[in-house]
Amino acid sequence: MRHHIPIQIRFNDIDLFGHLNNSVYVQFFDMGKLAYFKQFMEGGFEHEPSVPVVAKIECTSLAPVHIDDRIEVRTAIVSIGESSLVLEQEIVDAAGTVKSKATTVMVNVNARTATPEPVSRAWRDAIGAYEGRDF
């Protein structure tokens, strides 16, 4: 996965067992999604006529994350449908151990009408160029 961002673990992200609370993984994956998509936008989401929204997310925990772990979120778009995008993400520690994986289906939605809208050719081309594949 080409795209990655470092994540700072906060004290309140840790549960009573001393590891990352299960609800926080999805927040970290969201941070990765935001950073990934922002590279294709000028001015952020508020200036886009349509935006991808999460329709389904599946998260698998593979190993615990502790407060002193240095981690990053890696993100890739693996497929684009008519109005949907499928992302794969990983939370990885500094040693390269994959701690968690997620697969997310997002639907491109018109910001005014809240209805699905086709993924634009410009986005397909930009994402394809970034990922090194045709969509």
Foldseek 3Di string as FASTA:
>chain_A
DPQKDKDQDDPVQADPVQFGDPVCVVVQVVVSVLVVVVVLDDPGDVPDQKDWDWPDKDKDFDATHGNPWTWMKDKAWDDFDQFKTKMKMFIATPVGDTGMIMITIIGIAGPPPRHGHGDDPSVQVVRCVVRVHHD
